[in-house]
């Protein structure tokens, strides 16, 4: 005699819905993540250079 509970066990969660969500195109600007990382780093470097060369 087989139990119906074992056959109705929930399946493991998948990331299919999550991938579908992030693959959707949205309106607006698309900015490369490398640019987002590069701009603050370059501003920090420029700030340090100004502090080094223009300090009294």
C-alpha atoms as a PDB file:
ATOM      1  CA  UNK A   1       0.000   0.000   0.000  1.00  0.00           C
ATOM      2  CA  UNK A   2       1.511   3.271  -1.083  1.00  0.00           C
ATOM      3  CA  UNK A   3       1.054   6.571   0.688  1.00  0.00           C
ATOM      4  CA  UNK A   4      -0.304   9.553  -1.254  1.00  0.00           C
ATOM      5  CA  UNK A   5       1.733  11.984   0.874  1.00  0.00           C
ATOM      6  CA  UNK A   6       5.033  10.796  -0.556  1.00  0.00           C
ATOM      7  CA  UNK A   7       3.806  11.399  -4.110  1.00  0.00           C
ATOM      8  CA  UNK A   8       2.509  14.884  -3.290  1.00  0.00           C
ATOM      9  CA  UNK A   9       5.794  16.107  -1.810  1.00  0.00           C
ATOM     10  CA  UNK A  10       6.669  19.655  -2.924  1.00  0.00           C
ATOM     11  CA  UNK A  11       9.314  20.031  -5.590  1.00  0.00           C
ATOM     12  CA  UNK A  12      12.505  21.936  -4.808  1.00  0.00           C
ATOM     13  CA  UNK A  13      12.393  25.642  -5.583  1.00  0.00           C
ATOM     14  CA  UNK A  14      14.008  26.705  -8.839  1.00  0.00           C
ATOM     15  CA  UNK A  15      15.407  30.026  -9.950  1.00  0.00           C
ATOM     16  CA  UNK A  16      13.455  29.984 -13.229  1.00  0.00           C
ATOM     17  CA  UNK A  17      11.171  32.849 -12.230  1.00  0.00           C
ATOM     18  CA  UNK A  18      14.068  34.928 -10.931  1.00  0.00           C
ATOM     19  CA  UNK A  19      16.020  34.577 -14.161  1.00  0.00           C
ATOM     20  CA  UNK A  20      12.950  35.460 -16.177  1.00  0.00           C
ATOM     21  CA  UNK A  21      12.480  38.613 -14.068  1.00  0.00           C
ATOM     22  CA  UNK A  22      15.999  39.922 -14.646  1.00  0.00           C
ATOM     23  CA  UNK A  23      16.005  39.097 -18.355  1.00  0.00           C
ATOM     24  CA  UNK A  24      13.029  41.365 -19.019  1.00  0.00           C
ATOM     25  CA  UNK A  25      13.874  44.575 -20.805  1.00  0.00           C
ATOM     26  CA  UNK A  26      12.911  47.761 -19.003  1.00  0.00           C
ATOM     27  CA  UNK A  27      12.666  51.295 -20.291  1.00  0.00           C
ATOM     28  CA  UNK A  28      15.338  53.743 -19.277  1.00  0.00           C
ATOM     29  CA  UNK A  29      19.084  54.083 -19.388  1.00  0.00           C
ATOM     30  CA  UNK A  30      21.296  51.037 -19.352  1.00  0.00           C
ATOM     31  CA  UNK A  31      24.635  51.689 -17.659  1.00  0.00           C
ATOM     32  CA  UNK A  32      27.479  49.199 -17.714  1.00  0.00           C
ATOM     33  CA  UNK A  33      28.401  48.122 -14.140  1.00  0.00           C
ATOM     34  CA  UNK A  34      32.090  48.674 -14.954  1.00  0.00           C
ATOM     35  CA  UNK A  35      31.352  52.382 -15.393  1.00  0.00           C
ATOM     36  CA  UNK A  36      29.568  52.507 -12.040  1.00  0.00           C
ATOM     37  CA  UNK A  37      32.652  51.047 -10.341  1.00  0.00           C
ATOM     38  CA  UNK A  38      35.201  53.072 -12.333  1.00  0.00           C
ATOM     39  CA  UNK A  39      33.751  56.546 -11.720  1.00  0.00           C
ATOM     40  CA  UNK A  40      33.967  56.550  -7.887  1.00  0.00           C
ATOM     41  CA  UNK A  41      37.427  54.950  -7.935  1.00  0.00           C
ATOM     42  CA  UNK A  42      38.706  57.562 -10.379  1.00  0.00           C
ATOM     43  CA  UNK A  43      37.204  60.380  -8.288  1.00  0.00           C
ATOM     44  CA  UNK A  44      38.983  59.048  -5.202  1.00  0.00           C
ATOM     45  CA  UNK A  45      42.293  58.887  -7.083  1.00  0.00           C
ATOM     46  CA  UNK A  46      41.867  62.430  -8.445  1.00  0.00           C
ATOM     47  CA  UNK A  47      41.045  63.645  -4.936  1.00  0.00           C
ATOM     48  CA  UNK A  48      44.191  62.016  -3.540  1.00  0.00           C
ATOM     49  CA  UNK A  49      46.332  63.496  -6.329  1.00  0.00           C
ATOM     50  CA  UNK A  50      44.944  66.986  -5.700  1.00  0.00           C
ATOM     51  CA  UNK A  51      45.614  66.567  -1.985  1.00  0.00           C
ATOM     52  CA  UNK A  52      49.197  65.402  -2.611  1.00  0.00           C
ATOM     53  CA  UNK A  53      50.212  68.000  -5.199  1.00  0.00           C
ATOM     54  CA  UNK A  54      48.313  71.049  -3.959  1.00  0.00           C
ATOM     55  CA  UNK A  55      48.835  70.587  -0.218  1.00  0.00           C
ATOM     56  CA  UNK A  56      50.854  73.386   1.397  1.00  0.00           C
END
